[in-house]
Amino acid sequence: MINFYILKEKMQTLSAQLSWSHYCELLNIKSTDKISYYIRKTEKSNLSVRQLREIIRNKEYERLPEETKKKLIIKEETNVEDLIKNPIIINNKNNYEIISEKVLQKIILEDISNFLEELGEGFTFIKNEYKIKIGDTYNYIDLLLYNIKYKCYVVIELKITELKKEHIGQIEIYMNYIDRELKTINEDKTIGIIIVRRNNKYIMEYCSDKRIISKEFIINIYK
């Protein structure tokens, strides 16, 4: 109760939507900015105590970009890419031992709701292996999503290697195709997310298309 009183003194307001059990999960957190984030997340997503405990344990706040944390502090409007975690935690519930790109896609589809949560707000799943025709050749987008909040398509490419320059060219072609063939005038331009084993900041520095972002993934093994 003393800790709860101290928390109330540090925070301007506390949410009536959170239960006492929710606040018990927050009492050991020192940063008020971090507490504010988890309160907001619990309110918006209607998280149970167990779900709140899980995202705290997975260090969701710590995995946000530093620019996003600054935006949240000053209550500046966020963009579609702001709340994407890095690294993205992918739950391997069936404990696959050999991780190929196909297996990685399979793992994501087996727990698609968690994957969409890791990406942030407003993401919905459209299709995996989405077929497109470029010239005389058929290509397959690993995952095609749509973000309801920001009104844009999202192309996901999965790579089990370090980020390479050819990955940038590949996803840019897919994004341009979606913009030309699916996007309407009322929607924003498609963004592309390359999910890789290890990032390469030098390649991203020379990427001129700011709609393309790269995030690392880690596999969460269940025992």
C-alpha atoms as a PDB file:
ATOM      1  CA  MET A   1       0.000   0.000   0.000  1.00  0.00           C
ATOM      2  CA  ILE A   2       2.921   2.334   0.690  1.00  0.00           C
ATOM      3  CA  ASN A   3       4.340   1.619  -2.756  1.00  0.00           C
ATOM      4  CA  PHE A   4       0.929   2.281  -4.309  1.00  0.00           C
ATOM      5  CA  TYR A   5       0.724   5.620  -2.488  1.00  0.00           C
ATOM      6  CA  ILE A   6       4.194   6.547  -3.785  1.00  0.00           C
ATOM      7  CA  LEU A   7       3.095   5.604  -7.301  1.00  0.00           C
ATOM      8  CA  LYS A   8       0.018   7.835  -7.020  1.00  0.00           C
ATOM      9  CA  GLU A   9       2.226  10.703  -5.882  1.00  0.00           C
ATOM     10  CA  LYS A  10       4.570  10.256  -8.859  1.00  0.00           C
ATOM     11  CA  MET A  11       1.828   9.915 -11.493  1.00  0.00           C
ATOM     12  CA  GLN A  12      -0.575  12.718 -12.324  1.00  0.00           C
ATOM     13  CA  THR A  13      -3.489  10.338 -12.798  1.00  0.00           C
ATOM     14  CA  LEU A  14      -4.071   6.623 -12.471  1.00  0.00           C
ATOM     15  CA  SER A  15      -6.529   4.735 -14.630  1.00  0.00           C
ATOM     16  CA  ALA A  16      -9.767   3.475 -13.112  1.00  0.00           C
ATOM     17  CA  GLN A  17      -9.786   0.774 -15.806  1.00  0.00           C
ATOM     18  CA  LEU A  18      -6.900  -1.052 -14.139  1.00  0.00           C
ATOM     19  CA  SER A  19      -7.542  -3.298 -11.179  1.00  0.00           C
ATOM     20  CA  TRP A  20      -5.509  -3.477  -7.986  1.00  0.00           C
ATOM     21  CA  SER A  21      -3.869  -6.616  -9.390  1.00  0.00           C
ATOM     22  CA  HIS A  22      -2.804  -4.704 -12.488  1.00  0.00           C
ATOM     23  CA  TYR A  23      -1.155  -2.048 -10.347  1.00  0.00           C
ATOM     24  CA  CYS A  24       0.619  -4.678  -8.279  1.00  0.00           C
ATOM     25  CA  GLU A  25       2.418  -5.676 -11.497  1.00  0.00           C
ATOM     26  CA  LEU A  26       3.566  -2.074 -11.979  1.00  0.00           C
ATOM     27  CA  LEU A  27       4.717  -1.212  -8.467  1.00  0.00           C
ATOM     28  CA  ASN A  28       8.287  -2.420  -8.912  1.00  0.00           C
ATOM     29  CA  ILE A  29       8.847  -0.336 -12.058  1.00  0.00           C
ATOM     30  CA  LYS A  30      10.865   2.800 -11.280  1.00  0.00           C
ATOM     31  CA  SER A  31      10.305   4.785 -14.482  1.00  0.00           C
ATOM     32  CA  THR A  32       7.044   6.747 -14.631  1.00  0.00           C
ATOM     33  CA  ASP A  33       7.352   6.905 -18.430  1.00  0.00           C
ATOM     34  CA  LYS A  34       7.438   3.117 -18.537  1.00  0.00           C
ATOM     35  CA  ILE A  35       4.495   2.839 -16.154  1.00  0.00           C
ATOM     36  CA  SER A  36       2.498   5.303 -18.275  1.00  0.00           C
ATOM     37  CA  TYR A  37       3.177   3.181 -21.357  1.00  0.00           C
ATOM     38  CA  TYR A  38       1.938  -0.012 -19.707  1.00  0.00           C
ATOM     39  CA  ILE A  39      -1.159   1.733 -18.320  1.00  0.00           C
ATOM     40  CA  ARG A  40      -1.977   3.060 -21.789  1.00  0.00           C
ATOM     41  CA  LYS A  41      -1.346  -0.357 -23.373  1.00  0.00           C
ATOM     42  CA  THR A  42      -3.550  -2.093 -20.807  1.00  0.00           C
ATOM     43  CA  GLU A  43      -6.372   0.394 -21.388  1.00  0.00           C
ATOM     44  CA  LYS A  44      -6.225   0.267 -25.191  1.00  0.00           C
ATOM     45  CA  SER A  45      -5.841  -3.505 -25.482  1.00  0.00           C
ATOM     46  CA  ASN A  46      -7.945  -4.423 -22.427  1.00  0.00           C
ATOM     47  CA  LEU A  47      -5.101  -6.571 -21.113  1.00  0.00           C
ATOM     48  CA  SER A  48      -5.643  -9.104 -18.382  1.00  0.00           C
ATOM     49  CA  VAL A  49      -3.225  -9.190 -15.448  1.00  0.00           C
ATOM     50  CA  ARG A  50      -1.510 -12.208 -16.994  1.00  0.00           C
ATOM     51  CA  GLN A  51      -1.112 -10.428 -20.348  1.00  0.00           C
ATOM     52  CA  LEU A  52       0.266  -7.318 -18.660  1.00  0.00           C
ATOM     53  CA  ARG A  53       2.743  -9.447 -16.714  1.00  0.00           C
ATOM     54  CA  GLU A  54       3.837 -11.125 -19.952  1.00  0.00           C
ATOM     55  CA  ILE A  55       4.585  -7.916 -21.876  1.00  0.00           C
ATOM     56  CA  ILE A  56       6.495  -6.510 -18.895  1.00  0.00           C
ATOM     57  CA  ARG A  57       8.499  -9.731 -18.691  1.00  0.00           C
ATOM     58  CA  ASN A  58       9.223  -9.498 -22.431  1.00  0.00           C
ATOM     59  CA  LYS A  59      10.494  -5.921 -21.951  1.00  0.00           C
ATOM     60  CA  GLU A  60       8.078  -4.498 -24.501  1.00  0.00           C
ATOM     61  CA  TYR A  61       8.753  -0.893 -23.533  1.00  0.00           C
ATOM     62  CA  GLU A  62      12.521  -1.352 -23.693  1.00  0.00           C
ATOM     63  CA  ARG A  63      12.199  -2.754 -27.241  1.00  0.00           C
ATOM     64  CA  LEU A  64      10.565   0.412 -28.579  1.00  0.00           C
ATOM     65  CA  PRO A  65      12.682   2.846 -30.618  1.00  0.00           C
ATOM     66  CA  GLU A  66      14.077   5.742 -28.580  1.00  0.00           C
ATOM     67  CA  GLU A  67      12.290   8.228 -30.849  1.00  0.00           C
ATOM     68  CA  THR A  68       8.993   6.526 -30.056  1.00  0.00           C
ATOM     69  CA  LYS A  69       9.613   6.845 -26.316  1.00  0.00           C
ATOM     70  CA  LYS A  70      10.181  10.580 -26.769  1.00  0.00           C
ATOM     71  CA  LYS A  71       6.939  10.891 -28.740  1.00  0.00           C
ATOM     72  CA  LEU A  72       5.010   9.079 -26.016  1.00  0.00           C
ATOM     73  CA  ILE A  73       6.418  11.364 -23.318  1.00  0.00           C
ATOM     74  CA  ILE A  74       5.334  14.556 -25.100  1.00  0.00           C
ATOM     75  CA  LYS A  75       2.163  12.868 -26.402  1.00  0.00           C
ATOM     76  CA  GLU A  76       3.109  13.436 -30.016  1.00  0.00           C
ATOM     77  CA  GLU A  77       1.186  11.499 -32.662  1.00  0.00           C
ATOM     78  CA  THR A  78       2.864   8.220 -33.627  1.00  0.00           C
ATOM     79  CA  ASN A  79       3.335   6.701 -37.086  1.00  0.00           C
ATOM     80  CA  VAL A  80       2.699   3.147 -38.224  1.00  0.00           C
ATOM     81  CA  GLU A  81       6.338   2.130 -37.686  1.00  0.00           C
ATOM     82  CA  ASP A  82       6.799   3.772 -34.283  1.00  0.00           C
ATOM     83  CA  LEU A  83       5.420   0.965 -32.122  1.00  0.00           C
ATOM     84  CA  ILE A  84       7.119  -1.934 -33.914  1.00  0.00           C
ATOM     85  CA  LYS A  85       9.385  -3.632 -31.399  1.00  0.00           C
ATOM     86  CA  ASN A  86      13.026  -4.457 -31.961  1.00  0.00           C
ATOM     87  CA  PRO A  87      13.749  -7.258 -31.688  1.00  0.00           C
ATOM     88  CA  ILE A  88      10.396  -8.832 -32.534  1.00  0.00           C
ATOM     89  CA  ILE A  89       9.673 -11.851 -30.330  1.00  0.00           C
ATOM     90  CA  ILE A  90       8.267 -14.797 -32.298  1.00  0.00           C
ATOM     91  CA  ASN A  91       6.748 -17.610 -30.257  1.00  0.00           C
ATOM     92  CA  ASN A  92       7.919 -21.083 -31.308  1.00  0.00           C
ATOM     93  CA  LYS A  93       5.137 -22.947 -29.521  1.00  0.00           C
ATOM     94  CA  ASN A  94       5.832 -26.263 -31.227  1.00  0.00           C
ATOM     95  CA  ASN A  95       9.594 -26.006 -30.669  1.00  0.00           C
ATOM     96  CA  TYR A  96      10.762 -26.413 -34.262  1.00  0.00           C
ATOM     97  CA  GLU A  97      14.493 -27.041 -34.149  1.00  0.00           C
ATOM     98  CA  ILE A  98      15.561 -26.085 -37.692  1.00  0.00           C
ATOM     99  CA  ILE A  99      14.453 -22.585 -38.641  1.00  0.00           C
ATOM    100  CA  SER A 100      14.204 -21.951 -42.376  1.00  0.00           C
ATOM    101  CA  GLU A 101      12.261 -19.049 -43.889  1.00  0.00           C
ATOM    102  CA  LYS A 102       9.316 -21.361 -44.493  1.00  0.00           C
ATOM    103  CA  VAL A 103       9.422 -22.627 -40.915  1.00  0.00           C
ATOM    104  CA  LEU A 104       9.695 -19.067 -39.608  1.00  0.00           C
ATOM    105  CA  GLN A 105       6.572 -18.165 -41.576  1.00  0.00           C
ATOM    106  CA  LYS A 106       4.814 -21.252 -40.203  1.00  0.00           C
ATOM    107  CA  ILE A 107       5.723 -20.307 -36.615  1.00  0.00           C
ATOM    108  CA  ILE A 108       4.349 -16.807 -37.134  1.00  0.00           C
ATOM    109  CA  LEU A 109       1.080 -18.109 -38.612  1.00  0.00           C
ATOM    110  CA  GLU A 110       0.628 -20.493 -35.674  1.00  0.00           C
ATOM    111  CA  ASP A 111       0.561 -17.497 -33.328  1.00  0.00           C
ATOM    112  CA  ILE A 112      -0.440 -14.688 -35.675  1.00  0.00           C
ATOM    113  CA  SER A 113      -2.217 -12.659 -32.987  1.00  0.00           C
ATOM    114  CA  ASN A 114       1.003 -12.349 -30.942  1.00  0.00           C
ATOM    115  CA  PHE A 115       2.967 -11.404 -34.054  1.00  0.00           C
ATOM    116  CA  LEU A 116       0.508  -8.627 -34.918  1.00  0.00           C
ATOM    117  CA  GLU A 117       0.762  -7.334 -31.337  1.00  0.00           C
ATOM    118  CA  GLU A 118       4.545  -7.246 -31.641  1.00  0.00           C
ATOM    119  CA  LEU A 119       4.184  -5.025 -34.701  1.00  0.00           C
ATOM    120  CA  GLY A 120       2.071  -2.462 -32.881  1.00  0.00           C
ATOM    121  CA  GLU A 121      -1.423  -1.030 -33.259  1.00  0.00           C
ATOM    122  CA  GLY A 122      -4.011  -1.679 -35.948  1.00  0.00           C
ATOM    123  CA  PHE A 123      -2.345  -4.528 -37.873  1.00  0.00           C
ATOM    124  CA  THR A 124      -4.555  -7.157 -39.505  1.00  0.00           C
ATOM    125  CA  PHE A 125      -3.580 -10.257 -41.483  1.00  0.00           C
ATOM    126  CA  ILE A 126      -4.556 -10.561 -45.155  1.00  0.00           C
ATOM    127  CA  LYS A 127      -2.611 -13.508 -46.596  1.00  0.00           C
ATOM    128  CA  ASN A 128       0.677 -15.367 -46.554  1.00  0.00           C
ATOM    129  CA  GLU A 129       2.457 -16.230 -49.818  1.00  0.00           C
ATOM    130  CA  TYR A 130       0.454 -13.487 -51.530  1.00  0.00           C
ATOM    131  CA  LYS A 131       0.890 -14.074 -55.283  1.00  0.00           C
ATOM    132  CA  ILE A 132       1.734 -11.178 -57.571  1.00  0.00           C
ATOM    133  CA  LYS A 133       2.753 -11.167 -61.240  1.00  0.00           C
ATOM    134  CA  ILE A 134       5.614  -8.958 -62.332  1.00  0.00           C
ATOM    135  CA  GLY A 135       6.132  -9.233 -66.078  1.00  0.00           C
ATOM    136  CA  ASP A 136       5.969 -12.925 -66.910  1.00  0.00           C
ATOM    137  CA  THR A 137       7.077 -14.035 -63.451  1.00  0.00           C
ATOM    138  CA  TYR A 138       5.006 -14.852 -60.388  1.00  0.00           C
ATOM    139  CA  ASN A 139       6.370 -13.705 -57.050  1.00  0.00           C
ATOM    140  CA  TYR A 140       5.134 -14.421 -53.529  1.00  0.00           C
ATOM    141  CA  ILE A 141       5.032 -11.889 -50.707  1.00  0.00           C
ATOM    142  CA  ASP A 142       5.764 -13.691 -47.432  1.00  0.00           C
ATOM    143  CA  LEU A 143       3.050 -11.859 -45.462  1.00  0.00           C
ATOM    144  CA  LEU A 144       0.634  -9.177 -46.601  1.00  0.00           C
ATOM    145  CA  LEU A 145      -0.975  -7.161 -43.808  1.00  0.00           C
ATOM    146  CA  TYR A 146      -3.145  -4.088 -43.551  1.00  0.00           C
ATOM    147  CA  ASN A 147      -3.043  -1.432 -40.869  1.00  0.00           C
ATOM    148  CA  ILE A 148      -6.548  -0.214 -40.090  1.00  0.00           C
ATOM    149  CA  LYS A 149      -5.440   2.704 -37.933  1.00  0.00           C
ATOM    150  CA  TYR A 150      -3.053   4.182 -40.487  1.00  0.00           C
ATOM    151  CA  LYS A 151      -4.889   2.956 -43.609  1.00  0.00           C
ATOM    152  CA  CYS A 152      -2.011   1.349 -45.433  1.00  0.00           C
ATOM    153  CA  TYR A 153      -0.890  -2.050 -46.695  1.00  0.00           C
ATOM    154  CA  VAL A 154       2.143  -3.620 -45.064  1.00  0.00           C
ATOM    155  CA  VAL A 155       4.484  -5.998 -46.895  1.00  0.00           C
ATOM    156  CA  ILE A 156       6.501  -8.352 -44.681  1.00  0.00           C
ATOM    157  CA  GLU A 157       9.564 -10.224 -45.907  1.00  0.00           C
ATOM    158  CA  LEU A 158      11.180 -12.847 -43.682  1.00  0.00           C
ATOM    159  CA  LYS A 159      14.914 -13.513 -43.799  1.00  0.00           C
ATOM    160  CA  ILE A 160      16.898 -15.853 -41.572  1.00  0.00           C
ATOM    161  CA  THR A 161      20.177 -14.169 -42.501  1.00  0.00           C
ATOM    162  CA  GLU A 162      21.713 -10.781 -41.900  1.00  0.00           C
ATOM    163  CA  LEU A 163      20.062  -7.929 -43.809  1.00  0.00           C
ATOM    164  CA  LYS A 164      21.474  -7.708 -47.355  1.00  0.00           C
ATOM    165  CA  LYS A 165      21.187  -4.985 -49.969  1.00  0.00           C
ATOM    166  CA  GLU A 166      19.200  -7.231 -52.327  1.00  0.00           C
ATOM    167  CA  HIS A 167      16.491  -7.566 -49.683  1.00  0.00           C
ATOM    168  CA  ILE A 168      15.868  -3.817 -50.009  1.00  0.00           C
ATOM    169  CA  GLY A 169      15.383  -4.028 -53.777  1.00  0.00           C
ATOM    170  CA  GLN A 170      13.085  -7.039 -53.479  1.00  0.00           C
ATOM    171  CA  ILE A 171      10.698  -5.540 -50.953  1.00  0.00           C
ATOM    172  CA  GLU A 172      10.647  -2.181 -52.749  1.00  0.00           C
ATOM    173  CA  ILE A 173       9.374  -3.911 -55.909  1.00  0.00           C
ATOM    174  CA  TYR A 174       6.633  -5.624 -53.885  1.00  0.00           C
ATOM    175  CA  MET A 175       5.620  -2.368 -52.194  1.00  0.00           C
ATOM    176  CA  ASN A 176       5.403  -0.532 -55.515  1.00  0.00           C
ATOM    177  CA  TYR A 177       3.265  -3.342 -56.933  1.00  0.00           C
ATOM    178  CA  ILE A 178       0.804  -3.138 -54.020  1.00  0.00           C
ATOM    179  CA  ASP A 179       0.655   0.649 -54.358  1.00  0.00           C
ATOM    180  CA  ARG A 180      -0.138   0.367 -58.057  1.00  0.00           C
ATOM    181  CA  GLU A 181      -2.535  -2.579 -57.968  1.00  0.00           C
ATOM    182  CA  LEU A 182      -4.295  -2.486 -54.558  1.00  0.00           C
ATOM    183  CA  LYS A 183      -3.922   0.911 -52.901  1.00  0.00           C
ATOM    184  CA  THR A 184      -6.723   3.419 -53.350  1.00  0.00           C
ATOM    185  CA  ILE A 185      -6.414   7.206 -53.365  1.00  0.00           C
ATOM    186  CA  ASN A 186      -7.789   7.290 -49.812  1.00  0.00           C
ATOM    187  CA  GLU A 187      -5.016   5.074 -48.443  1.00  0.00           C
ATOM    188  CA  ASP A 188      -1.437   5.869 -47.515  1.00  0.00           C
ATOM    189  CA  LYS A 189       1.528   4.339 -49.333  1.00  0.00           C
ATOM    190  CA  THR A 190       2.513   0.778 -48.544  1.00  0.00           C
ATOM    191  CA  ILE A 191       5.285   0.249 -46.019  1.00  0.00           C
ATOM    192  CA  GLY A 192       7.728  -2.641 -46.009  1.00  0.00           C
ATOM    193  CA  ILE A 193       9.150  -4.494 -43.026  1.00  0.00           C
ATOM    194  CA  ILE A 194      12.117  -6.809 -43.465  1.00  0.00           C
ATOM    195  CA  ILE A 195      12.458  -9.146 -40.493  1.00  0.00           C
ATOM    196  CA  VAL A 196      15.986 -10.506 -40.272  1.00  0.00           C
ATOM    197  CA  ARG A 197      18.215 -12.530 -38.008  1.00  0.00           C
ATOM    198  CA  ARG A 198      20.635  -9.625 -37.659  1.00  0.00           C
ATOM    199  CA  ASN A 199      20.369  -6.041 -38.806  1.00  0.00           C
ATOM    200  CA  ASN A 200      22.883  -4.165 -40.902  1.00  0.00           C
ATOM    201  CA  LYS A 201      22.739  -0.479 -40.013  1.00  0.00           C
ATOM    202  CA  TYR A 202      25.048   0.502 -42.880  1.00  0.00           C
ATOM    203  CA  ILE A 203      22.657  -0.850 -45.505  1.00  0.00           C
ATOM    204  CA  MET A 204      19.730   0.959 -43.887  1.00  0.00           C
ATOM    205  CA  GLU A 205      21.729   4.212 -43.832  1.00  0.00           C
ATOM    206  CA  TYR A 206      21.945   4.073 -47.629  1.00  0.00           C
ATOM    207  CA  CYS A 207      18.313   3.050 -48.125  1.00  0.00           C
ATOM    208  CA  SER A 208      16.610   6.081 -49.670  1.00  0.00           C
ATOM    209  CA  ASP A 209      13.060   4.732 -49.287  1.00  0.00           C
ATOM    210  CA  LYS A 210      11.968   5.721 -45.781  1.00  0.00           C
ATOM    211  CA  ARG A 211       8.915   3.444 -46.053  1.00  0.00           C
ATOM    212  CA  ILE A 212      11.241   0.451 -45.638  1.00  0.00           C
ATOM    213  CA  ILE A 213      12.258  -0.563 -42.139  1.00  0.00           C
ATOM    214  CA  SER A 214      14.242  -3.489 -40.843  1.00  0.00           C
ATOM    215  CA  LYS A 215      13.775  -5.307 -37.535  1.00  0.00           C
ATOM    216  CA  GLU A 216      15.524  -8.250 -35.946  1.00  0.00           C
ATOM    217  CA  PHE A 217      13.692 -11.273 -34.589  1.00  0.00           C
ATOM    218  CA  ILE A 218      14.334 -13.644 -31.731  1.00  0.00           C
ATOM    219  CA  ILE A 219      12.668 -17.007 -31.275  1.00  0.00           C
ATOM    220  CA  ASN A 220      10.924 -17.666 -27.969  1.00  0.00           C
ATOM    221  CA  ILE A 221      11.299 -21.384 -27.203  1.00  0.00           C
ATOM    222  CA  TYR A 222       8.668 -23.060 -25.010  1.00  0.00           C
ATOM    223  CA  LYS A 223       9.821 -25.687 -22.525  1.00  0.00           C
END
